[in-house]
Amino acid sequence: MSTETIQCGKREYTLECQITKNGHRFLMITERSFGRMSKVMVFQDHYQSFREALDRVCQSAPGPAGDGESGRSAESAPLGASPADLPQPTLS
């Protein structure tokens, strides 16, 4: 299992790559904030679709001034790494 935690102000995001009992990999995204916890599971066969949708949403987000322009420059790389670069769990 591979885990990474990101602290963002009063919010904490934890990304964990895990394996189910029957050997299927999945990404668990956990958000902790204000005493509450939310979880999202993304199975390996959905990594690519999830990432593509995340990229589209982030690219179409309004810029900092709310001007409808993306907050990212045209020459910036796509958000995150390819699904093959996602943490791969190791079996102990």
N, C-alpha and C. Protein backbone atom coordinates (compact mmCIF):
# COMPACT_ATOMS: atom_id res chain seq x y z
N MET A 1 0.84 -1.17 0.00
CA MET A 1 0.00 0.00 0.00
C MET A 1 0.89 1.24 0.00
N SER A 2 0.53 2.22 -0.80
CA SER A 2 1.25 3.47 -0.87
C SER A 2 0.32 4.58 -0.40
N THR A 3 0.84 5.51 0.41
CA THR A 3 0.01 6.58 0.98
C THR A 3 0.74 7.91 0.89
N GLU A 4 -0.02 8.96 0.60
CA GLU A 4 0.51 10.32 0.63
C GLU A 4 -0.56 11.22 1.22
N THR A 5 -0.16 12.09 2.15
CA THR A 5 -1.08 13.02 2.79
C THR A 5 -0.69 14.45 2.44
N ILE A 6 -1.70 15.26 2.13
CA ILE A 6 -1.50 16.65 1.76
C ILE A 6 -2.27 17.51 2.76
N GLN A 7 -1.58 18.42 3.44
CA GLN A 7 -2.20 19.33 4.39
C GLN A 7 -2.48 20.64 3.68
N CYS A 8 -3.74 21.06 3.63
CA CYS A 8 -4.15 22.29 2.95
C CYS A 8 -4.98 23.12 3.93
N GLY A 9 -4.33 23.95 4.70
CA GLY A 9 -5.05 24.73 5.71
C GLY A 9 -5.69 23.82 6.73
N LYS A 10 -7.01 23.96 6.89
CA LYS A 10 -7.73 23.12 7.85
C LYS A 10 -8.21 21.81 7.22
N ARG A 11 -7.88 21.59 5.98
CA ARG A 11 -8.26 20.35 5.29
C ARG A 11 -7.04 19.46 5.12
N GLU A 12 -7.30 18.17 5.17
CA GLU A 12 -6.24 17.18 4.96
C GLU A 12 -6.74 16.17 3.94
N TYR A 13 -5.95 15.93 2.92
CA TYR A 13 -6.30 14.95 1.89
C TYR A 13 -5.30 13.80 1.98
N THR A 14 -5.82 12.59 1.99
CA THR A 14 -4.97 11.41 2.00
C THR A 14 -5.28 10.59 0.76
N LEU A 15 -4.23 10.25 0.02
CA LEU A 15 -4.34 9.40 -1.17
C LEU A 15 -3.69 8.07 -0.83
N GLU A 16 -4.45 6.99 -0.97
CA GLU A 16 -3.93 5.66 -0.65
C GLU A 16 -4.21 4.72 -1.81
N CYS A 17 -3.21 4.03 -2.25
CA CYS A 17 -3.37 3.00 -3.26
C CYS A 17 -3.43 1.67 -2.52
N GLN A 18 -4.55 0.96 -2.67
CA GLN A 18 -4.78 -0.27 -1.93
C GLN A 18 -5.18 -1.40 -2.87
N ILE A 19 -5.23 -2.61 -2.33
CA ILE A 19 -5.65 -3.79 -3.09
C ILE A 19 -6.80 -4.45 -2.35
N THR A 20 -7.86 -4.80 -3.10
CA THR A 20 -8.99 -5.51 -2.50
C THR A 20 -8.60 -6.95 -2.21
N LYS A 21 -9.46 -7.66 -1.49
CA LYS A 21 -9.19 -9.06 -1.15
C LYS A 21 -9.02 -9.93 -2.39
N ASN A 22 -9.72 -9.55 -3.48
CA ASN A 22 -9.62 -10.36 -4.70
C ASN A 22 -8.56 -9.81 -5.67
N GLY A 23 -7.69 -8.90 -5.19
CA GLY A 23 -6.54 -8.47 -5.98
C GLY A 23 -6.73 -7.27 -6.88
N HIS A 24 -7.87 -6.59 -6.80
CA HIS A 24 -8.09 -5.39 -7.62
C HIS A 24 -7.54 -4.17 -6.91
N ARG A 25 -6.81 -3.35 -7.67
CA ARG A 25 -6.24 -2.12 -7.12
C ARG A 25 -7.26 -1.00 -7.16
N PHE A 26 -7.16 -0.10 -6.17
CA PHE A 26 -8.00 1.09 -6.17
C PHE A 26 -7.30 2.21 -5.43
N LEU A 27 -7.74 3.43 -5.73
CA LEU A 27 -7.24 4.63 -5.09
C LEU A 27 -8.32 5.10 -4.14
N MET A 28 -7.97 5.29 -2.86
CA MET A 28 -8.90 5.83 -1.87
C MET A 28 -8.48 7.26 -1.60
N ILE A 29 -9.39 8.20 -1.83
CA ILE A 29 -9.13 9.61 -1.56
C ILE A 29 -9.98 9.99 -0.35
N THR A 30 -9.32 10.44 0.71
CA THR A 30 -10.00 10.80 1.95
C THR A 30 -9.78 12.27 2.24
N GLU A 31 -10.86 12.99 2.52
CA GLU A 31 -10.77 14.38 2.94
C GLU A 31 -11.22 14.46 4.39
N ARG A 32 -10.40 15.10 5.21
CA ARG A 32 -10.75 15.34 6.61
C ARG A 32 -10.76 16.85 6.83
N SER A 33 -11.89 17.35 7.32
CA SER A 33 -11.98 18.78 7.62
C SER A 33 -13.11 19.02 8.59
N PHE A 34 -12.87 19.93 9.51
CA PHE A 34 -13.89 20.37 10.46
C PHE A 34 -14.57 19.19 11.16
N GLY A 35 -13.80 18.19 11.53
CA GLY A 35 -14.33 17.03 12.26
C GLY A 35 -15.10 16.03 11.41
N ARG A 36 -15.14 16.23 10.11
CA ARG A 36 -15.84 15.30 9.21
C ARG A 36 -14.85 14.61 8.29
N MET A 37 -15.28 13.47 7.76
CA MET A 37 -14.43 12.72 6.85
C MET A 37 -15.27 12.25 5.66
N SER A 38 -14.73 12.42 4.46
CA SER A 38 -15.38 11.95 3.23
C SER A 38 -14.39 11.08 2.48
N LYS A 39 -14.90 10.02 1.86
CA LYS A 39 -14.03 9.11 1.10
C LYS A 39 -14.59 8.87 -0.30
N VAL A 40 -13.64 8.70 -1.24
CA VAL A 40 -13.98 8.35 -2.61
C VAL A 40 -13.05 7.22 -3.02
N MET A 41 -13.63 6.17 -3.62
CA MET A 41 -12.84 5.05 -4.13
C MET A 41 -12.85 5.11 -5.65
N VAL A 42 -11.67 5.00 -6.26
CA VAL A 42 -11.54 4.96 -7.72
C VAL A 42 -10.78 3.69 -8.07
N PHE A 43 -11.46 2.76 -8.75
CA PHE A 43 -10.82 1.49 -9.09
C PHE A 43 -9.90 1.66 -10.29
N GLN A 44 -8.89 0.80 -10.35
CA GLN A 44 -7.83 0.93 -11.35
C GLN A 44 -8.36 1.03 -12.77
N ASP A 45 -9.41 0.29 -13.10
CA ASP A 45 -9.93 0.35 -14.47
C ASP A 45 -10.64 1.68 -14.76
N HIS A 46 -10.80 2.55 -13.75
CA HIS A 46 -11.41 3.86 -13.94
C HIS A 46 -10.41 5.00 -13.80
N TYR A 47 -9.13 4.70 -13.50
CA TYR A 47 -8.11 5.73 -13.31
C TYR A 47 -8.07 6.71 -14.49
N GLN A 48 -8.00 6.21 -15.71
CA GLN A 48 -7.85 7.07 -16.88
C GLN A 48 -9.06 8.00 -17.04
N SER A 49 -10.27 7.48 -16.94
CA SER A 49 -11.47 8.32 -17.08
C SER A 49 -11.54 9.36 -15.97
N PHE A 50 -11.19 8.97 -14.75
CA PHE A 50 -11.20 9.88 -13.61
C PHE A 50 -10.20 11.01 -13.84
N ARG A 51 -9.00 10.67 -14.26
CA ARG A 51 -7.96 11.65 -14.50
C ARG A 51 -8.32 12.61 -15.64
N GLU A 52 -8.88 12.07 -16.72
CA GLU A 52 -9.28 12.91 -17.85
C GLU A 52 -10.35 13.90 -17.43
N ALA A 53 -11.33 13.44 -16.64
CA ALA A 53 -12.39 14.34 -16.17
C ALA A 53 -11.81 15.40 -15.23
N LEU A 54 -10.90 15.01 -14.37
CA LEU A 54 -10.25 15.95 -13.46
C LEU A 54 -9.48 17.02 -14.25
N ASP A 55 -8.75 16.61 -15.26
CA ASP A 55 -8.03 17.56 -16.12
C ASP A 55 -9.00 18.52 -16.80
N ARG A 56 -10.11 18.01 -17.36
CA ARG A 56 -11.07 18.87 -18.04
C ARG A 56 -11.67 19.90 -17.09
N VAL A 57 -12.04 19.46 -15.90
CA VAL A 57 -12.65 20.36 -14.91
C VAL A 57 -11.66 21.43 -14.48
N CYS A 58 -10.42 21.03 -14.21
CA CYS A 58 -9.41 22.00 -13.77
C CYS A 58 -9.05 22.98 -14.88
N GLN A 59 -9.03 22.54 -16.12
CA GLN A 59 -8.69 23.41 -17.24
C GLN A 59 -9.79 24.41 -17.52
N SER A 60 -11.03 24.07 -17.23
CA SER A 60 -12.15 24.96 -17.53
C SER A 60 -12.53 25.83 -16.34
N ALA A 61 -11.85 25.68 -15.21
CA ALA A 61 -12.15 26.49 -14.03
C ALA A 61 -11.81 27.95 -14.31
N PRO A 62 -12.62 28.87 -13.79
CA PRO A 62 -12.32 30.29 -13.98
C PRO A 62 -10.98 30.66 -13.35
N GLY A 63 -10.34 31.69 -13.92
CA GLY A 63 -9.08 32.19 -13.37
C GLY A 63 -9.31 32.86 -12.03
N PRO A 64 -8.24 33.34 -11.41
CA PRO A 64 -8.35 33.94 -10.09
C PRO A 64 -9.29 35.14 -10.03
N ALA A 65 -9.43 35.88 -11.14
CA ALA A 65 -10.29 37.06 -11.14
C ALA A 65 -11.73 36.71 -11.52
N GLY A 66 -12.03 35.41 -11.74
CA GLY A 66 -13.37 35.01 -12.14
C GLY A 66 -13.71 35.46 -13.54
N ASP A 67 -12.69 35.60 -14.39
CA ASP A 67 -12.87 36.12 -15.73
C ASP A 67 -13.19 35.06 -16.78
N GLY A 68 -13.40 33.82 -16.34
CA GLY A 68 -13.70 32.76 -17.29
C GLY A 68 -12.48 32.14 -17.91
N GLU A 69 -11.32 32.73 -17.67
CA GLU A 69 -10.08 32.18 -18.19
C GLU A 69 -9.55 31.15 -17.22
N SER A 70 -8.92 30.13 -17.75
CA SER A 70 -8.34 29.10 -16.91
C SER A 70 -7.23 29.69 -16.07
N GLY A 71 -7.09 29.20 -14.83
CA GLY A 71 -6.02 29.63 -13.96
C GLY A 71 -4.68 29.06 -14.37
N ARG A 72 -4.66 28.19 -15.37
CA ARG A 72 -3.42 27.55 -15.83
C ARG A 72 -2.97 28.19 -17.13
N SER A 73 -1.68 28.28 -17.32
CA SER A 73 -1.16 28.82 -18.56
C SER A 73 -1.22 27.77 -19.66
N ALA A 74 -1.19 28.22 -20.91
CA ALA A 74 -1.30 27.30 -22.04
C ALA A 74 -0.14 26.33 -22.11
N GLU A 75 1.03 26.76 -21.62
CA GLU A 75 2.18 25.88 -21.72
C GLU A 75 2.35 24.95 -20.52
N SER A 76 1.46 25.02 -19.53
CA SER A 76 1.61 24.15 -18.37
C SER A 76 1.26 22.71 -18.72
N ALA A 77 1.86 21.80 -18.01
CA ALA A 77 1.64 20.37 -18.25
C ALA A 77 0.28 19.97 -17.71
N PRO A 78 -0.29 18.87 -18.22
CA PRO A 78 -1.56 18.38 -17.69
C PRO A 78 -1.43 18.09 -16.20
N LEU A 79 -2.53 18.22 -15.50
CA LEU A 79 -2.55 17.99 -14.06
C LEU A 79 -2.14 16.57 -13.73
N GLY A 80 -1.22 16.41 -12.81
CA GLY A 80 -0.86 15.10 -12.29
C GLY A 80 -0.06 14.25 -13.25
N ALA A 81 0.08 13.01 -12.89
CA ALA A 81 0.83 12.04 -13.68
C ALA A 81 -0.13 11.11 -14.40
N SER A 82 0.42 10.31 -15.31
CA SER A 82 -0.42 9.35 -16.02
C SER A 82 -0.85 8.25 -15.05
N PRO A 83 -1.92 7.52 -15.36
CA PRO A 83 -2.36 6.45 -14.47
C PRO A 83 -1.26 5.44 -14.17
N ALA A 84 -0.36 5.23 -15.12
CA ALA A 84 0.74 4.29 -14.88
C ALA A 84 1.68 4.81 -13.80
N ASP A 85 1.68 6.14 -13.59
CA ASP A 85 2.54 6.75 -12.58
C ASP A 85 1.91 6.83 -11.21
N LEU A 86 0.64 6.43 -11.09
CA LEU A 86 0.00 6.43 -9.78
C LEU A 86 0.70 5.43 -8.88
N PRO A 87 0.69 5.69 -7.57
CA PRO A 87 1.37 4.76 -6.67
C PRO A 87 0.84 3.35 -6.82
N GLN A 88 1.74 2.42 -6.92
CA GLN A 88 1.36 1.01 -7.05
C GLN A 88 1.64 0.32 -5.71
N PRO A 89 0.65 -0.35 -5.15
CA PRO A 89 0.87 -1.00 -3.87
C PRO A 89 1.83 -2.16 -3.99
N THR A 90 2.54 -2.42 -2.93
CA THR A 90 3.43 -3.57 -2.89
C THR A 90 2.87 -4.58 -1.90
N LEU A 91 2.95 -5.82 -2.26
CA LEU A 91 2.46 -6.87 -1.39
C LEU A 91 3.56 -7.29 -0.43
N SER A 92 3.22 -7.41 0.82
CA SER A 92 4.21 -7.79 1.82
C SER A 92 4.18 -9.28 2.06
